[in-house]
């Protein structure tokens, strides 16, 4: 069989590769005219669109929201722009970029006007909804010693690559989250919480240590945080959970911080796409939030909060 060599009882699969030598002096022309296609499933070189017809340029301008957003930005006074800059520090964006992100969501959602910037949430947020027979939900984000993430390729606009991350865990561990709750009890044990189970090894046993934030059932936007500094034994990993029980209504949350070793390790901490599932070349990347228990009537997703 072509591409497979036998050596005793072992089989070795040979990868098929190719290469291209760009003649000297043609580098600039090559990169202006061509680009890489899908690097994982079907690697190929494709034509880079450089010239657009008058009609296509007109359509691109018509569909671009930037002119509209820039006009709204210029209407803001200095204090309003400063407020957007302050809010942007909570999501690693400057004020203008956060304003663009927010306005795009408002326009696409058919919401008029300009939002008031918030230090509790920016652009889209995570949401859990419970109704009908769905009065319980449990989501998990796993943090073993090593796992894959999707990372942007430096210098590119839209390319991503899988990257293996090693998370050397040590205490203290800090949990921080902003949330808004509109929940009603439906049973005898109502609760909503964000917590971490920290796994430690002690005398041949694995001990589970809980660090927990309890949410108020009725709460406007607020930020809460807790810290775990000491445990019995050696801490080696942890798992995060979002859980609601015996409740109906909606819980919104944003700006999740799970900090140890002076770094925020929460994946998808900005909550723009909490229900993302990675496929194709990124199949090995774990979901931001994986459902442990998700009955009919309970759901989780990202939304734009109109408040």
Protein backbone atom coordinates (compact mmCIF):
# COMPACT_ATOMS: atom_id res chain seq x y z
CA UNK A 1 0.00 0.00 0.00
CA UNK A 2 1.53 3.35 -1.00
CA UNK A 3 2.64 5.45 1.94
CA UNK A 4 2.79 2.54 4.43
CA UNK A 5 5.98 0.65 5.22
CA UNK A 6 6.06 -2.59 7.21
CA UNK A 7 8.75 -3.31 9.74
CA UNK A 8 8.15 -6.67 11.45
CA UNK A 9 4.73 -6.18 13.11
CA UNK A 10 4.80 -2.39 13.12
CA UNK A 11 3.24 -0.09 10.56
CA UNK A 12 4.54 3.38 9.85
CA UNK A 13 2.32 5.86 8.04
CA UNK A 14 4.27 8.26 5.87
CA UNK A 15 2.98 11.79 5.57
CA UNK A 16 2.70 13.23 2.09
CA UNK A 17 4.32 16.65 1.90
CA UNK A 18 5.18 19.24 -0.66
CA UNK A 19 7.06 22.49 -0.90
CA UNK A 20 7.37 25.56 -3.04
CA UNK A 21 10.45 27.63 -3.77
CA UNK A 22 9.62 31.26 -4.53
CA UNK A 23 12.07 32.67 -7.06
CA UNK A 24 14.25 35.45 -5.73
CA UNK A 25 12.65 38.86 -6.12
CA UNK A 26 9.10 37.51 -6.41
CA UNK A 27 8.33 37.31 -2.68
CA UNK A 28 6.33 40.52 -2.53
CA UNK A 29 4.31 39.70 -5.65
CA UNK A 30 3.61 36.17 -4.39
CA UNK A 31 2.26 37.24 -1.00
CA UNK A 32 0.17 40.03 -2.54
CA UNK A 33 -1.51 37.64 -4.99
CA UNK A 34 -1.78 34.30 -3.16
CA UNK A 35 -2.70 33.03 0.29
CA UNK A 36 -2.85 29.73 2.17
CA UNK A 37 -6.14 27.86 2.23
CA UNK A 38 -7.25 25.36 4.91
CA UNK A 39 -4.00 24.23 6.53
CA UNK A 40 -5.48 21.20 8.29
CA UNK A 41 -8.00 19.34 6.16
CA UNK A 42 -6.89 20.19 2.60
CA UNK A 43 -3.74 22.35 2.46
CA UNK A 44 -3.61 24.47 -0.68
CA UNK A 45 -2.70 27.85 -2.12
CA UNK A 46 -5.55 30.05 -3.29
CA UNK A 47 -5.88 33.41 -5.01
CA UNK A 48 -6.07 36.44 -2.74
CA UNK A 49 -8.81 38.82 -3.93
CA UNK A 50 -7.12 42.12 -4.70
CA UNK A 51 -9.43 43.85 -7.13
CA UNK A 52 -13.12 44.45 -6.55
CA UNK A 53 -15.71 45.59 -9.03
CA UNK A 54 -17.45 48.90 -8.50
CA UNK A 55 -20.63 47.06 -7.46
CA UNK A 56 -18.76 44.88 -4.95
CA UNK A 57 -17.01 47.89 -3.45
CA UNK A 58 -20.37 49.60 -3.12
CA UNK A 59 -21.87 46.54 -1.42
CA UNK A 60 -18.92 46.27 0.98
CA UNK A 61 -19.33 49.89 1.98
CA UNK A 62 -23.07 49.46 2.35
CA UNK A 63 -22.67 46.43 4.61
CA UNK A 64 -19.85 47.88 6.69
CA UNK A 65 -21.02 49.22 10.03
CA UNK A 66 -17.87 51.17 10.76
CA UNK A 67 -18.97 54.44 9.11
CA UNK A 68 -22.17 54.41 11.17
CA UNK A 69 -20.32 53.51 14.37
CA UNK A 70 -17.61 56.12 13.81
CA UNK A 71 -20.31 58.77 13.41
CA UNK A 72 -21.87 57.76 16.75
CA UNK A 73 -18.45 57.78 18.43
CA UNK A 74 -17.80 61.34 17.31
CA UNK A 75 -21.06 62.43 18.95
CA UNK A 76 -19.73 61.41 22.37
CA UNK A 77 -18.11 64.01 24.60
CA UNK A 78 -14.77 63.53 26.36
CA UNK A 79 -16.27 62.19 29.59
CA UNK A 80 -18.31 59.57 27.71
CA UNK A 81 -15.26 58.41 25.77
CA UNK A 82 -13.33 58.21 29.04
CA UNK A 83 -16.08 55.98 30.44
CA UNK A 84 -15.70 53.63 27.46
CA UNK A 85 -11.92 53.57 28.00
CA UNK A 86 -12.42 52.63 31.65
CA UNK A 87 -14.88 49.85 30.75
CA UNK A 88 -12.44 48.60 28.12
CA UNK A 89 -9.77 47.93 30.76
CA UNK A 90 -12.00 45.15 32.11
CA UNK A 91 -11.92 43.28 28.82
CA UNK A 92 -8.44 44.10 27.41
CA UNK A 93 -9.79 46.54 24.80
CA UNK A 94 -9.43 50.27 24.37
CA UNK A 95 -12.57 52.38 24.50
CA UNK A 96 -12.99 52.66 20.72
CA UNK A 97 -12.69 48.91 20.09
CA UNK A 98 -15.13 48.11 22.89
CA UNK A 99 -17.55 50.72 21.52
CA UNK A 100 -17.34 49.12 18.05
CA UNK A 101 -17.96 45.63 19.47
CA UNK A 102 -20.91 46.87 21.50
CA UNK A 103 -22.48 48.86 18.66
CA UNK A 104 -22.19 45.93 16.24
CA UNK A 105 -24.19 43.79 18.65
CA UNK A 106 -26.78 46.54 19.14
CA UNK A 107 -27.23 47.17 15.42
CA UNK A 108 -27.46 43.47 14.55
CA UNK A 109 -29.94 42.98 17.36
CA UNK A 110 -32.10 45.87 16.17
CA UNK A 111 -31.44 47.90 19.35
CA UNK A 112 -31.39 51.64 18.85
CA UNK A 113 -29.24 54.19 20.63
CA UNK A 114 -25.87 53.93 22.35
CA UNK A 115 -25.22 51.82 25.45
CA UNK A 116 -23.91 53.11 28.75
CA UNK A 117 -20.50 51.48 29.33
CA UNK A 118 -20.30 49.18 32.35
CA UNK A 119 -17.46 47.89 34.51
CA UNK A 120 -19.48 44.71 35.17
CA UNK A 121 -20.11 43.48 31.65
CA UNK A 122 -18.92 44.36 28.15
CA UNK A 123 -20.54 43.51 24.80
CA UNK A 124 -21.89 39.92 25.06
CA UNK A 125 -22.31 37.99 28.31
CA UNK A 126 -22.97 34.41 29.33
CA UNK A 127 -26.54 33.42 30.18
CA UNK A 128 -28.21 30.44 31.83
CA UNK A 129 -31.97 30.06 31.43
CA UNK A 130 -34.26 27.64 33.27
CA UNK A 131 -37.93 27.02 32.46
CA UNK A 132 -40.53 24.26 32.25
CA UNK A 133 -39.08 20.99 33.54
CA UNK A 134 -35.56 22.42 33.44
CA UNK A 135 -34.97 23.65 36.98
CA UNK A 136 -31.41 22.29 37.26
CA UNK A 137 -28.24 22.87 35.24
CA UNK A 138 -24.60 22.05 35.86
CA UNK A 139 -21.72 23.18 33.62
CA UNK A 140 -18.03 22.34 34.02
CA UNK A 141 -14.72 23.74 32.81
CA UNK A 142 -11.87 21.28 33.34
CA UNK A 143 -8.34 22.34 34.23
CA UNK A 144 -5.99 19.35 34.17
CA UNK A 145 -2.22 19.74 34.10
CA UNK A 146 -2.20 20.13 30.30
CA UNK A 147 -4.82 20.74 27.60
CA UNK A 148 -5.22 22.30 24.14
CA UNK A 149 -6.47 25.80 23.38
CA UNK A 150 -7.20 27.68 20.15
CA UNK A 151 -4.65 30.46 19.71
CA UNK A 152 -4.44 33.20 17.10
CA UNK A 153 -1.43 33.02 14.78
CA UNK A 154 0.73 36.08 15.43
CA UNK A 155 0.81 38.44 12.47
CA UNK A 156 -2.35 37.08 10.84
CA UNK A 157 -5.88 38.47 10.82
CA UNK A 158 -7.94 35.28 10.95
CA UNK A 159 -5.67 32.23 11.33
CA UNK A 160 -5.72 30.10 14.46
CA UNK A 161 -3.74 27.09 15.55
CA UNK A 162 -4.06 24.48 18.33
CA UNK A 163 -1.61 25.10 21.18
CA UNK A 164 -0.85 22.70 24.03
CA UNK A 165 -0.92 24.53 27.37
CA UNK A 166 0.67 23.34 30.60
CA UNK A 167 -1.09 24.80 33.63
CA UNK A 168 1.19 24.43 36.62
CA UNK A 169 -1.30 24.93 39.41
CA UNK A 170 -0.46 26.31 42.84
CA UNK A 171 -2.32 28.19 45.56
CA UNK A 172 -3.66 30.72 46.28
CA UNK A 173 -6.58 30.40 43.89
CA UNK A 174 -8.93 33.37 43.39
CA UNK A 175 -12.39 33.27 41.82
CA UNK A 176 -14.04 36.45 40.57
CA UNK A 177 -17.17 36.94 38.49
CA UNK A 178 -19.72 39.65 37.63
CA UNK A 179 -23.35 38.54 37.51
CA UNK A 180 -27.00 39.54 37.38
CA UNK A 181 -29.76 37.22 38.59
CA UNK A 182 -33.52 37.07 38.09
CA UNK A 183 -34.32 33.65 39.58
CA UNK A 184 -37.35 32.20 41.38
CA UNK A 185 -37.33 29.11 43.61
CA UNK A 186 -39.28 26.10 42.31
CA UNK A 187 -38.32 23.54 44.94
CA UNK A 188 -37.02 22.99 48.46
CA UNK A 189 -33.32 23.43 47.72
CA UNK A 190 -32.87 26.51 45.50
CA UNK A 191 -29.34 27.73 44.84
CA UNK A 192 -27.13 29.24 42.13
CA UNK A 193 -23.36 29.18 42.47
CA UNK A 194 -19.97 29.40 40.80
CA UNK A 195 -17.35 27.21 42.41
CA UNK A 196 -14.09 25.32 42.00
CA UNK A 197 -13.21 21.84 43.23
CA UNK A 198 -9.48 21.79 43.99
CA UNK A 199 -7.97 18.29 44.03
CA UNK A 200 -5.14 17.66 46.49
CA UNK A 201 -3.05 14.58 47.25
CA UNK A 202 -2.53 13.67 50.89
CA UNK A 203 -1.21 10.35 52.23
CA UNK A 204 -2.28 8.44 49.15
CA UNK A 205 -5.76 9.98 49.05
CA UNK A 206 -7.31 12.51 46.69
CA UNK A 207 -9.11 15.22 48.65
CA UNK A 208 -11.70 17.58 47.13
CA UNK A 209 -11.59 21.15 48.43
CA UNK A 210 -14.40 23.54 47.48
CA UNK A 211 -14.07 27.28 46.82
CA UNK A 212 -17.53 28.70 46.29
CA UNK A 213 -19.43 31.85 45.33
CA UNK A 214 -23.16 31.79 46.12
CA UNK A 215 -25.29 33.99 43.87
CA UNK A 216 -28.25 35.97 45.19
CA UNK A 217 -31.42 34.89 43.43
CA UNK A 218 -32.45 38.50 42.77
CA UNK A 219 -29.47 40.71 42.04
CA UNK A 220 -28.54 43.63 39.76
CA UNK A 221 -25.11 43.58 38.18
CA UNK A 222 -22.46 43.03 40.84
CA UNK A 223 -18.94 41.59 41.17
CA UNK A 224 -17.94 39.05 43.82
CA UNK A 225 -14.69 37.23 44.58
CA UNK A 226 -13.31 34.61 46.96
CA UNK A 227 -9.90 33.07 47.61
CA UNK A 228 -8.49 29.71 48.70
CA UNK A 229 -5.01 29.99 50.24
CA UNK A 230 -4.37 26.72 52.11
CA UNK A 231 -5.42 23.09 51.77
CA UNK A 232 -4.42 19.77 53.26
CA UNK A 233 -1.89 18.06 51.01
CA UNK A 234 -0.51 19.03 47.59
CA UNK A 235 -2.85 20.83 45.15
CA UNK A 236 -2.40 19.55 41.60
CA UNK A 237 -5.54 20.43 39.56
CA UNK A 238 -9.07 21.83 39.73
CA UNK A 239 -12.41 21.97 37.92
CA UNK A 240 -14.79 24.94 37.66
CA UNK A 241 -18.57 24.62 37.89
CA UNK A 242 -21.62 26.80 37.26
CA UNK A 243 -24.69 25.28 38.86
CA UNK A 244 -28.34 26.22 39.42
CA UNK A 245 -30.84 24.02 41.26
CA UNK A 246 -34.60 24.22 41.92
CA UNK A 247 -34.83 27.51 40.05
CA UNK A 248 -36.56 29.15 37.11
CA UNK A 249 -35.44 32.37 35.42
CA UNK A 250 -32.19 33.72 34.07
CA UNK A 251 -28.64 34.16 35.31
CA UNK A 252 -26.25 36.41 33.36
CA UNK A 253 -22.51 36.58 34.00
CA UNK A 254 -19.32 38.07 32.58
CA UNK A 255 -15.64 38.79 33.31
CA UNK A 256 -14.75 35.45 34.87
CA UNK A 257 -11.36 35.43 36.60
CA UNK A 258 -9.73 32.25 37.87
CA UNK A 259 -6.37 33.47 39.04
CA UNK A 260 -3.30 31.62 40.28
CA UNK A 261 0.37 32.29 39.67
CA UNK A 262 -0.66 35.87 38.80
CA UNK A 263 -2.55 34.81 35.66
CA UNK A 264 -6.22 34.43 34.75
CA UNK A 265 -6.68 30.84 33.54
CA UNK A 266 -10.43 30.95 32.85
CA UNK A 267 -11.08 29.94 29.25
CA UNK A 268 -13.56 32.16 27.43
CA UNK A 269 -13.47 34.55 30.39
CA UNK A 270 -15.11 37.35 28.37
CA UNK A 271 -18.17 35.11 27.85
CA UNK A 272 -18.71 36.10 24.22
CA UNK A 273 -19.29 32.48 23.10
CA UNK A 274 -19.70 30.26 26.15
CA UNK A 275 -21.46 27.49 24.17
CA UNK A 276 -18.73 27.16 21.52
CA UNK A 277 -17.91 23.62 20.37
CA UNK A 278 -14.57 23.11 18.60
CA UNK A 279 -14.58 20.89 15.52
CA UNK A 280 -12.43 19.79 12.58
CA UNK A 281 -8.77 20.64 13.19
CA UNK A 282 -9.59 21.87 16.70
CA UNK A 283 -11.46 18.75 17.82
CA UNK A 284 -9.00 18.15 20.69
CA UNK A 285 -9.78 21.51 22.32
CA UNK A 286 -12.17 21.20 25.30
CA UNK A 287 -15.32 23.30 25.38
CA UNK A 288 -15.31 26.48 27.44
CA UNK A 289 -18.27 25.07 29.39
CA UNK A 290 -19.29 21.43 29.06
CA UNK A 291 -22.78 20.39 30.23
CA UNK A 292 -22.68 17.88 33.08
CA UNK A 293 -26.46 18.01 33.56
CA UNK A 294 -28.67 19.79 31.02
CA UNK A 295 -32.34 18.71 31.14
CA UNK A 296 -34.95 19.89 28.66
CA UNK A 297 -35.92 23.44 29.52
CA UNK A 298 -32.46 24.50 30.74
CA UNK A 299 -29.97 26.13 28.39
CA UNK A 300 -26.79 28.21 28.23
CA UNK A 301 -25.50 30.59 25.57
CA UNK A 302 -24.09 34.10 25.05
CA UNK A 303 -26.34 37.14 24.56
CA UNK A 304 -26.19 40.89 24.36
CA UNK A 305 -27.61 42.34 27.60
CA UNK A 306 -29.87 45.27 26.87
CA UNK A 307 -29.59 47.04 30.24
